[in-house]
Amino acid sequence: MKRHQSTIWQRALRYVLPFCLLTLLPLAASAQKFALIDMEYILSNVPAYERANEQLNQVSRKWQAEVEALNTEAGTMYKNYQNEVVFLSQDQKKKKQEAIMAKEKEASDLKRKYFGPEGELFKKRTSLITPIQDEIYNAVKDISDQRGYSLVIDRSSNSAGIIYGSPKVDISNEVLQKLGYANQ
């Protein structure tokens, strides 16, 4: 008898529980408020971001020129070696080859130092861009708290996956205003 009662409860839960979830879930979802922002638009209207990007571009070009100069020097050393190889002893050949490889390694190490995953450019970008991103995040958070938004989505991001976003819920201009930048 007990076995029969437990299967009745199992069957009831199997059908009733999903029904309850399906009816209550839309009610909970409709209570959520959301907003959209366009991060590319916001960043393009923040002068500090434009200045930071220009600084990063300048330092990147300078460092790239240093790396290219070492690569050019290694290339010149190799061409000279190719022209002189028939006149060199085995010992001289070995020394020249080692010098060329050392120059190439120097260029590679410098490139890694400047442009590697934890390189100088990464550190510089972090120091210049992170404060701007934090300021934007705080403005978005303040507006969200004031208006009761549960979710703010960046519609400029490829990963957002938004097909349509009503301009009525786009708070990008308010974020710029909160940051102290008038929308142009």
C-alpha atoms as a PDB file:
ATOM      1  CA  MET A   1       0.000   0.000   0.000  1.00  0.00           C
ATOM      2  CA  LYS A   2       2.798   2.436   0.893  1.00  0.00           C
ATOM      3  CA  ARG A   3       4.527   1.675  -2.371  1.00  0.00           C
ATOM      4  CA  HIS A   4       1.386   2.589  -4.284  1.00  0.00           C
ATOM      5  CA  GLN A   5       1.039   5.928  -2.441  1.00  0.00           C
ATOM      6  CA  SER A   6       4.631   6.928  -3.197  1.00  0.00           C
ATOM      7  CA  THR A   7       4.170   6.357  -6.926  1.00  0.00           C
ATOM      8  CA  ILE A   8       1.002   8.507  -6.877  1.00  0.00           C
ATOM      9  CA  TRP A   9       3.005  11.339  -5.268  1.00  0.00           C
ATOM     10  CA  GLN A  10       5.824  10.865  -7.741  1.00  0.00           C
ATOM     11  CA  ARG A  11       3.391  11.062 -10.640  1.00  0.00           C
ATOM     12  CA  ALA A  12       1.683  14.111  -9.181  1.00  0.00           C
ATOM     13  CA  LEU A  13       5.005  15.882  -8.685  1.00  0.00           C
ATOM     14  CA  ARG A  14       6.094  14.945 -12.173  1.00  0.00           C
ATOM     15  CA  TYR A  15       3.115  16.788 -13.706  1.00  0.00           C
ATOM     16  CA  VAL A  16       2.214  19.436 -11.112  1.00  0.00           C
ATOM     17  CA  LEU A  17       5.687  20.794 -10.421  1.00  0.00           C
ATOM     18  CA  PRO A  18       6.498  21.672 -14.056  1.00  0.00           C
ATOM     19  CA  PHE A  19       3.019  23.184 -14.448  1.00  0.00           C
ATOM     20  CA  CYS A  20       3.562  25.403 -11.383  1.00  0.00           C
ATOM     21  CA  LEU A  21       7.004  26.434 -12.603  1.00  0.00           C
ATOM     22  CA  LEU A  22       5.708  27.273 -16.070  1.00  0.00           C
ATOM     23  CA  THR A  23       2.904  29.434 -14.697  1.00  0.00           C
ATOM     24  CA  LEU A  24       4.938  31.254 -12.053  1.00  0.00           C
ATOM     25  CA  LEU A  25       8.115  31.806 -14.084  1.00  0.00           C
ATOM     26  CA  PRO A  26       6.644  34.406 -16.484  1.00  0.00           C
ATOM     27  CA  LEU A  27       5.293  36.366 -13.518  1.00  0.00           C
ATOM     28  CA  ALA A  28       8.737  36.500 -11.931  1.00  0.00           C
ATOM     29  CA  ALA A  29      10.391  37.385 -15.246  1.00  0.00           C
ATOM     30  CA  SER A  30       7.976  40.188 -16.005  1.00  0.00           C
ATOM     31  CA  ALA A  31       8.913  41.884 -12.737  1.00  0.00           C
ATOM     32  CA  GLN A  32      12.512  42.234 -13.905  1.00  0.00           C
ATOM     33  CA  LYS A  33      13.569  45.586 -15.337  1.00  0.00           C
ATOM     34  CA  PHE A  34      16.388  45.866 -17.834  1.00  0.00           C
ATOM     35  CA  ALA A  35      18.229  48.510 -19.821  1.00  0.00           C
ATOM     36  CA  LEU A  36      20.629  48.669 -22.729  1.00  0.00           C
ATOM     37  CA  ILE A  37      23.829  50.622 -23.145  1.00  0.00           C
ATOM     38  CA  ASP A  38      26.070  51.076 -26.147  1.00  0.00           C
ATOM     39  CA  MET A  39      29.582  50.884 -24.708  1.00  0.00           C
ATOM     40  CA  GLU A  40      31.231  51.867 -27.996  1.00  0.00           C
ATOM     41  CA  TYR A  41      29.082  55.013 -28.111  1.00  0.00           C
ATOM     42  CA  ILE A  42      29.838  55.852 -24.477  1.00  0.00           C
ATOM     43  CA  LEU A  43      33.589  55.341 -24.887  1.00  0.00           C
ATOM     44  CA  SER A  44      33.654  57.412 -28.092  1.00  0.00           C
ATOM     45  CA  ASN A  45      32.161  60.307 -26.095  1.00  0.00           C
ATOM     46  CA  VAL A  46      34.605  60.094 -23.174  1.00  0.00           C
ATOM     47  CA  PRO A  47      37.616  62.312 -23.985  1.00  0.00           C
ATOM     48  CA  ALA A  48      39.833  60.543 -21.427  1.00  0.00           C
ATOM     49  CA  TYR A  49      39.326  57.276 -23.318  1.00  0.00           C
ATOM     50  CA  GLU A  50      40.325  58.881 -26.614  1.00  0.00           C
ATOM     51  CA  ARG A  51      43.449  60.371 -24.967  1.00  0.00           C
ATOM     52  CA  ALA A  52      44.343  57.023 -23.403  1.00  0.00           C
ATOM     53  CA  ASN A  53      43.993  55.268 -26.757  1.00  0.00           C
ATOM     54  CA  GLU A  54      46.207  57.875 -28.431  1.00  0.00           C
ATOM     55  CA  GLN A  55      48.861  57.410 -25.724  1.00  0.00           C
ATOM     56  CA  LEU A  56      48.698  53.639 -26.216  1.00  0.00           C
ATOM     57  CA  ASN A  57      49.029  54.027 -29.993  1.00  0.00           C
ATOM     58  CA  GLN A  58      52.043  56.330 -29.650  1.00  0.00           C
ATOM     59  CA  VAL A  59      53.904  54.085 -27.229  1.00  0.00           C
ATOM     60  CA  SER A  60      53.001  51.021 -29.314  1.00  0.00           C
ATOM     61  CA  ARG A  61      54.428  52.619 -32.475  1.00  0.00           C
ATOM     62  CA  LYS A  62      57.605  53.602 -30.612  1.00  0.00           C
ATOM     63  CA  TRP A  63      58.122  50.107 -29.219  1.00  0.00           C
ATOM     64  CA  GLN A  64      57.302  48.484 -32.554  1.00  0.00           C
ATOM     65  CA  ALA A  65      59.964  50.668 -34.210  1.00  0.00           C
ATOM     66  CA  GLU A  66      62.533  49.462 -31.642  1.00  0.00           C
ATOM     67  CA  VAL A  67      61.681  45.819 -32.356  1.00  0.00           C
ATOM     68  CA  GLU A  68      61.772  46.389 -36.123  1.00  0.00           C
ATOM     69  CA  ALA A  69      65.152  48.105 -35.841  1.00  0.00           C
ATOM     70  CA  LEU A  70      66.601  45.023 -34.142  1.00  0.00           C
ATOM     71  CA  ASN A  71      65.016  42.744 -36.758  1.00  0.00           C
ATOM     72  CA  THR A  72      66.447  44.907 -39.550  1.00  0.00           C
ATOM     73  CA  GLU A  73      69.853  44.793 -37.914  1.00  0.00           C
ATOM     74  CA  ALA A  74      69.653  40.979 -37.706  1.00  0.00           C
ATOM     75  CA  GLY A  75      68.594  40.857 -41.368  1.00  0.00           C
ATOM     76  CA  THR A  76      71.530  43.035 -42.402  1.00  0.00           C
ATOM     77  CA  MET A  77      73.905  40.870 -40.386  1.00  0.00           C
ATOM     78  CA  TYR A  78      72.538  37.784 -42.174  1.00  0.00           C
ATOM     79  CA  LYS A  79      72.895  39.354 -45.648  1.00  0.00           C
ATOM     80  CA  ASN A  80      76.477  40.333 -44.853  1.00  0.00           C
ATOM     81  CA  TYR A  81      77.144  36.821 -43.627  1.00  0.00           C
ATOM     82  CA  GLN A  82      75.721  35.369 -46.860  1.00  0.00           C
ATOM     83  CA  ASN A  83      78.035  37.631 -48.908  1.00  0.00           C
ATOM     84  CA  GLU A  84      81.129  36.745 -46.839  1.00  0.00           C
ATOM     85  CA  VAL A  85      80.463  33.068 -46.091  1.00  0.00           C
ATOM     86  CA  VAL A  86      82.838  31.743 -48.774  1.00  0.00           C
ATOM     87  CA  PHE A  87      85.750  33.742 -47.312  1.00  0.00           C
ATOM     88  CA  LEU A  88      85.192  32.811 -43.644  1.00  0.00           C
ATOM     89  CA  SER A  89      86.779  30.038 -41.635  1.00  0.00           C
ATOM     90  CA  GLN A  90      84.587  27.597 -39.724  1.00  0.00           C
ATOM     91  CA  ASP A  91      85.284  29.485 -36.483  1.00  0.00           C
ATOM     92  CA  GLN A  92      84.359  32.837 -38.056  1.00  0.00           C
ATOM     93  CA  LYS A  93      81.184  31.344 -39.555  1.00  0.00           C
ATOM     94  CA  LYS A  94      80.160  30.012 -36.169  1.00  0.00           C
ATOM     95  CA  LYS A  95      80.777  33.374 -34.451  1.00  0.00           C
ATOM     96  CA  LYS A  96      78.778  35.274 -37.093  1.00  0.00           C
ATOM     97  CA  GLN A  97      75.895  32.774 -36.903  1.00  0.00           C
ATOM     98  CA  GLU A  98      75.832  33.081 -33.109  1.00  0.00           C
ATOM     99  CA  ALA A  99      75.838  36.893 -33.358  1.00  0.00           C
ATOM    100  CA  ILE A 100      72.906  36.786 -35.819  1.00  0.00           C
ATOM    101  CA  MET A 101      70.956  34.395 -33.586  1.00  0.00           C
ATOM    102  CA  ALA A 102      71.693  36.567 -30.539  1.00  0.00           C
ATOM    103  CA  LYS A 103      70.355  39.641 -32.369  1.00  0.00           C
ATOM    104  CA  GLU A 104      67.210  37.752 -33.425  1.00  0.00           C
ATOM    105  CA  LYS A 105      66.706  36.558 -29.849  1.00  0.00           C
ATOM    106  CA  GLU A 106      67.179  40.115 -28.578  1.00  0.00           C
ATOM    107  CA  ALA A 107      64.436  41.295 -30.961  1.00  0.00           C
ATOM    108  CA  SER A 108      62.156  38.440 -29.932  1.00  0.00           C
ATOM    109  CA  ASP A 109      62.724  39.097 -26.218  1.00  0.00           C
ATOM    110  CA  LEU A 110      62.064  42.802 -26.667  1.00  0.00           C
ATOM    111  CA  LYS A 111      58.851  42.058 -28.565  1.00  0.00           C
ATOM    112  CA  ARG A 112      57.705  39.732 -25.781  1.00  0.00           C
ATOM    113  CA  LYS A 113      58.638  42.342 -23.142  1.00  0.00           C
ATOM    114  CA  TYR A 114      56.580  45.048 -24.848  1.00  0.00           C
ATOM    115  CA  PHE A 115      53.737  43.143 -26.496  1.00  0.00           C
ATOM    116  CA  GLY A 116      53.479  39.824 -24.644  1.00  0.00           C
ATOM    117  CA  PRO A 117      50.432  38.783 -22.598  1.00  0.00           C
ATOM    118  CA  GLU A 118      51.849  40.402 -19.456  1.00  0.00           C
ATOM    119  CA  GLY A 119      53.993  42.907 -21.342  1.00  0.00           C
ATOM    120  CA  GLU A 120      54.456  46.624 -20.976  1.00  0.00           C
ATOM    121  CA  LEU A 121      51.628  47.480 -23.392  1.00  0.00           C
ATOM    122  CA  PHE A 122      49.188  45.337 -21.394  1.00  0.00           C
ATOM    123  CA  LYS A 123      50.277  47.031 -18.159  1.00  0.00           C
ATOM    124  CA  LYS A 124      50.017  50.488 -19.720  1.00  0.00           C
ATOM    125  CA  ARG A 125      46.559  49.715 -21.135  1.00  0.00           C
ATOM    126  CA  THR A 126      45.418  48.461 -17.744  1.00  0.00           C
ATOM    127  CA  SER A 127      46.674  51.560 -15.947  1.00  0.00           C
ATOM    128  CA  LEU A 128      45.051  53.937 -18.461  1.00  0.00           C
ATOM    129  CA  ILE A 129      41.772  52.181 -19.323  1.00  0.00           C
ATOM    130  CA  THR A 130      40.753  50.454 -16.071  1.00  0.00           C
ATOM    131  CA  PRO A 131      39.961  53.720 -14.203  1.00  0.00           C
ATOM    132  CA  ILE A 132      37.730  54.825 -17.101  1.00  0.00           C
ATOM    133  CA  GLN A 133      35.941  51.456 -17.164  1.00  0.00           C
ATOM    134  CA  ASP A 134      35.466  51.598 -13.390  1.00  0.00           C
ATOM    135  CA  GLU A 135      33.976  55.093 -13.647  1.00  0.00           C
ATOM    136  CA  ILE A 136      31.534  53.939 -16.337  1.00  0.00           C
ATOM    137  CA  TYR A 137      30.635  50.835 -14.328  1.00  0.00           C
ATOM    138  CA  ASN A 138      29.882  52.968 -11.250  1.00  0.00           C
ATOM    139  CA  ALA A 139      27.694  55.341 -13.304  1.00  0.00           C
ATOM    140  CA  VAL A 140      25.774  52.370 -14.768  1.00  0.00           C
ATOM    141  CA  LYS A 141      25.392  50.864 -11.296  1.00  0.00           C
ATOM    142  CA  ASP A 142      24.093  54.159  -9.836  1.00  0.00           C
ATOM    143  CA  ILE A 143      21.539  54.595 -12.629  1.00  0.00           C
ATOM    144  CA  SER A 144      20.500  50.944 -12.310  1.00  0.00           C
ATOM    145  CA  ASP A 145      20.017  51.287  -8.559  1.00  0.00           C
ATOM    146  CA  GLN A 146      17.989  54.500  -8.994  1.00  0.00           C
ATOM    147  CA  ARG A 147      15.711  53.030 -11.668  1.00  0.00           C
ATOM    148  CA  GLY A 148      15.547  49.485 -10.353  1.00  0.00           C
ATOM    149  CA  TYR A 149      17.170  47.781 -13.319  1.00  0.00           C
ATOM    150  CA  SER A 150      18.029  44.149 -12.691  1.00  0.00           C
ATOM    151  CA  LEU A 151      20.051  43.810 -15.862  1.00  0.00           C
ATOM    152  CA  VAL A 152      21.956  46.187 -18.125  1.00  0.00           C
ATOM    153  CA  ILE A 153      23.137  44.767 -21.428  1.00  0.00           C
ATOM    154  CA  ASP A 154      25.802  46.195 -23.726  1.00  0.00           C
ATOM    155  CA  ARG A 155      24.167  46.159 -27.125  1.00  0.00           C
ATOM    156  CA  SER A 156      27.404  46.990 -28.939  1.00  0.00           C
ATOM    157  CA  SER A 157      28.982  43.721 -27.821  1.00  0.00           C
ATOM    158  CA  ASN A 158      28.917  40.833 -30.280  1.00  0.00           C
ATOM    159  CA  SER A 159      28.397  38.372 -27.464  1.00  0.00           C
ATOM    160  CA  ALA A 160      25.222  40.066 -26.153  1.00  0.00           C
ATOM    161  CA  GLY A 161      23.128  38.313 -28.762  1.00  0.00           C
ATOM    162  CA  ILE A 162      20.423  40.969 -28.856  1.00  0.00           C
ATOM    163  CA  ILE A 163      18.342  41.023 -31.999  1.00  0.00           C
ATOM    164  CA  TYR A 164      16.323  44.113 -31.126  1.00  0.00           C
ATOM    165  CA  GLY A 165      16.683  46.700 -28.421  1.00  0.00           C
ATOM    166  CA  SER A 166      14.161  49.452 -27.936  1.00  0.00           C
ATOM    167  CA  PRO A 167      15.741  52.911 -27.852  1.00  0.00           C
ATOM    168  CA  LYS A 168      13.402  53.660 -24.909  1.00  0.00           C
ATOM    169  CA  VAL A 169      15.538  51.490 -22.627  1.00  0.00           C
ATOM    170  CA  ASP A 170      18.947  52.702 -23.907  1.00  0.00           C
ATOM    171  CA  ILE A 171      20.549  54.653 -21.054  1.00  0.00           C
ATOM    172  CA  SER A 172      23.851  55.442 -22.834  1.00  0.00           C
ATOM    173  CA  ASN A 173      23.208  59.216 -22.824  1.00  0.00           C
ATOM    174  CA  GLU A 174      22.331  59.120 -19.117  1.00  0.00           C
ATOM    175  CA  VAL A 175      25.597  57.307 -18.390  1.00  0.00           C
ATOM    176  CA  LEU A 176      27.486  60.037 -20.264  1.00  0.00           C
ATOM    177  CA  GLN A 177      25.527  62.702 -18.397  1.00  0.00           C
ATOM    178  CA  LYS A 178      26.260  61.021 -15.033  1.00  0.00           C
ATOM    179  CA  LEU A 179      29.957  60.986 -16.007  1.00  0.00           C
ATOM    180  CA  GLY A 180      29.756  64.707 -16.731  1.00  0.00           C
ATOM    181  CA  TYR A 181      29.909  64.537 -20.528  1.00  0.00           C
ATOM    182  CA  ALA A 182      27.163  66.135 -22.559  1.00  0.00           C
ATOM    183  CA  ASN A 183      25.939  64.036 -25.456  1.00  0.00           C
ATOM    184  CA  GLN A 184      26.846  65.629 -28.764  1.00  0.00           C
END
